[in-house]
Protein backbone atom coordinates (compact mmCIF):
# COMPACT_ATOMS: atom_id res chain seq x y z
CA MET A 1 0.08 5.87 13.32
CA ILE A 2 0.83 6.10 9.36
CA ALA A 3 3.26 4.66 7.60
CA LEU A 4 3.93 6.84 5.06
CA PRO A 5 5.31 5.65 0.91
CA GLY A 6 9.38 6.12 0.66
CA GLN A 7 10.07 9.24 -1.51
CA LEU A 8 7.91 11.53 -0.06
CA PHE A 9 10.52 13.63 0.85
CA TYR A 10 13.17 14.83 -1.36
CA SER A 11 15.93 14.61 1.83
CA THR A 12 15.52 10.44 2.08
CA PRO A 13 14.03 7.84 -0.29
CA ILE A 14 12.98 6.16 3.05
CA SER A 15 9.40 5.74 4.54
CA ALA A 16 8.71 7.54 7.45
CA CYS A 17 5.87 6.97 9.58
CA LEU A 18 3.92 10.41 11.08
CA TRP A 19 2.27 9.82 15.34
CA PHE A 20 -0.03 11.23 16.48
CA LEU A 21 -0.89 11.16 20.31
CA ALA A 22 -3.43 12.24 22.42
CA ARG A 23 -2.92 13.27 25.77
CA ASN A 24 -6.40 12.86 26.73
CA LYS A 25 -8.44 9.62 24.44
CA LYS A 26 -11.53 10.49 26.79
CA ASN A 27 -12.14 13.91 27.02
CA GLY A 28 -15.80 13.60 25.93
CA LYS A 29 -15.48 15.79 22.43
CA PHE A 30 -14.78 12.96 20.37
CA ARG A 31 -15.82 9.44 21.28
CA ASP A 32 -14.07 7.05 23.98
CA ARG A 33 -10.60 5.34 21.96
CA VAL A 34 -9.18 4.70 25.35
CA GLY A 35 -7.05 1.41 24.94
CA GLN A 36 -6.55 1.61 21.11
CA THR A 37 -4.24 3.06 18.62
CA LEU A 38 -4.96 3.78 14.89
CA PHE A 39 -2.70 2.26 12.05
CA ILE A 40 -3.06 3.47 8.27
CA ASP A 41 -0.62 1.95 6.13
CA THR A 42 -0.33 4.40 3.01
CA ARG A 43 2.97 2.78 1.74
CA LYS A 44 1.07 2.16 -1.32
CA LEU A 45 -0.38 5.66 -2.58
CA GLY A 46 0.61 7.54 -3.97
CA HIS A 47 2.59 8.23 -7.36
CA LEU A 48 6.30 8.91 -9.15
CA VAL A 49 6.36 12.23 -10.36
CA ASP A 50 10.20 11.58 -11.13
CA ARG A 51 13.01 8.70 -10.92
CA THR A 52 13.12 10.10 -7.21
CA HIS A 53 10.01 11.68 -5.83
CA ARG A 54 6.52 10.62 -4.98
CA GLU A 55 3.20 12.80 -4.44
CA LEU A 56 0.26 11.74 -2.81
CA THR A 57 -2.67 13.19 -4.63
CA ASP A 58 -5.84 15.15 -3.46
CA LYS A 59 -8.13 12.55 -2.76
CA GLU A 60 -5.37 10.02 -1.48
CA ILE A 61 -4.78 12.78 1.50
CA SER A 62 -8.73 13.04 1.98
CA ARG A 63 -9.03 9.41 2.03
CA ILE A 64 -6.31 9.42 4.60
CA SER A 65 -7.37 12.51 6.97
CA GLN A 66 -11.37 10.91 6.73
CA ALA A 67 -10.15 7.43 8.19
CA TYR A 68 -8.22 9.50 11.12
CA HIS A 69 -11.73 11.56 12.20
CA ALA A 70 -13.38 8.98 11.25
CA TRP A 71 -11.92 6.62 14.12
CA ARG A 72 -11.50 10.16 16.48
CA GLY A 73 -15.49 10.07 15.73
CA GLU A 74 -16.10 13.37 14.49
CA LYS A 75 -20.03 13.07 13.28
CA GLU A 76 -19.01 15.00 9.72
CA ALA A 77 -16.64 12.14 9.21
CA GLY A 78 -18.87 9.42 9.59
CA GLU A 79 -18.29 5.96 10.52
CA TYR A 80 -15.02 4.78 11.52
CA GLN A 81 -14.29 0.94 10.18
CA ASP A 82 -11.49 -1.01 9.28
CA ILE A 83 -10.16 -1.81 5.87
CA PRO A 84 -7.45 -4.17 5.11
CA GLY A 85 -4.33 -3.31 3.66
CA PHE A 86 -5.11 0.08 4.58
CA CYS A 87 -5.64 1.69 8.40
CA LYS A 88 -7.79 -0.65 11.45
CA SER A 89 -7.63 -0.10 14.95
CA ALA A 90 -6.21 -2.28 17.26
CA LYS A 91 -6.72 -2.35 20.67
CA THR A 92 -3.74 -2.30 23.59
CA GLU A 93 -4.08 -6.35 23.83
CA GLU A 94 -3.76 -7.51 20.22
CA ILE A 95 -0.52 -4.88 20.49
CA ALA A 96 0.86 -6.52 23.40
CA ALA A 97 0.42 -9.97 21.63
CA HIS A 98 2.21 -8.70 18.85
CA SER A 99 5.24 -7.64 21.05
CA PHE A 100 4.35 -4.08 21.05
CA ILE A 101 5.85 -4.04 17.74
CA LEU A 102 4.29 -0.29 16.37
CA THR A 103 4.91 -1.09 12.81
CA PRO A 104 0.85 -0.43 10.96
CA GLY A 105 1.51 -3.35 8.00
CA ARG A 106 1.49 -6.03 10.89
CA TYR A 107 -1.78 -4.60 11.93
CA VAL A 108 -3.58 -3.73 8.81
CA GLY A 109 -2.69 -6.54 7.03
CA ALA A 110 -3.44 -6.79 3.38
CA GLU A 111 -6.32 -5.71 0.96
CA GLU A 112 -8.70 -7.89 -0.34
CA VAL A 113 -8.17 -8.79 -3.30
CA GLU A 114 -11.41 -9.33 -5.94
CA ASP A 115 -11.76 -12.47 -7.42
CA ASP A 116 -12.32 -12.55 -10.80
CA GLU A 117 -14.13 -15.05 -10.87
CA GLU A 118 -12.15 -17.00 -13.77
CA PRO A 119 -11.90 -20.67 -13.16
CA PHE A 120 -8.46 -21.55 -12.36
CA GLU A 121 -7.89 -24.02 -14.98
CA GLU A 122 -8.58 -21.80 -17.72
CA LYS A 123 -6.69 -19.17 -16.38
CA ILE A 124 -3.97 -20.79 -15.98
CA GLY A 125 -3.95 -22.00 -19.58
CA ILE A 126 -4.28 -18.14 -21.42
CA LEU A 127 -1.19 -17.27 -18.87
CA THR A 128 0.75 -20.30 -20.03
CA LYS A 129 0.08 -19.46 -24.16
CA ARG A 130 0.42 -15.88 -23.31
CA LEU A 131 4.14 -16.57 -21.63
CA GLU A 132 4.76 -19.53 -24.74
CA GLU A 133 3.94 -16.53 -26.63
CA GLN A 134 5.88 -14.54 -25.27
CA PHE A 135 9.38 -16.85 -25.33
CA LYS A 136 8.93 -17.17 -29.31
CA ASP A 137 9.08 -13.33 -29.74
CA SER A 138 11.55 -13.55 -27.25
CA ALA A 139 13.20 -15.95 -29.54
CA ARG A 140 12.57 -14.44 -32.74
CA LEU A 141 13.87 -10.50 -31.41
CA GLU A 142 17.33 -12.47 -30.64
CA LYS A 143 18.07 -13.57 -33.45
CA ILE A 144 17.75 -9.94 -35.06
CA ILE A 145 20.09 -8.62 -32.57
CA HIS A 146 22.85 -11.07 -32.99
CA GLU A 147 21.64 -10.37 -36.85
CA SER A 148 22.53 -6.57 -36.60
CA LEU A 149 25.59 -6.71 -34.05
CA GLU A 150 27.07 -9.65 -36.27
CA GLY A 151 26.41 -6.95 -39.50
CA LEU A 152 28.14 -4.60 -37.50
CA GLY A 153 31.77 -7.15 -37.53
CA VAL A 154 30.96 -7.07 -32.94
CA TRP A 155 29.62 -10.04 -32.76
């Protein structure tokens, strides 16, 4: 199952989900995938080409394809591994524990965020200082706008 990003199709802004079904997950051509379902969440991928349309890059399409082919067990695709926030091979028992809800985001989870190793106290101090500067800039700009509107006789 592949959850696609919204605005990918011109006919609708909602996201779509692709389902690939196999008659036999144990056919000898690929690895035995019985009792497993691959979930891929691509909702965060792609870029807007205009206000209403999003496109996936060739690199993103290749990433999705590579994950699928590796999961199937194709030798040239490399070894499959779960990637938090992107893909997960879930066992039927895990899906049953989620009442058979087949939303990829439920299984792939959130992507790992790298820790920048900056202490919280330092980071909050920097962010607070930046916010204070932005408040001052906002007040200055607001004053300029009021003066301009008064000069036009609108305010």
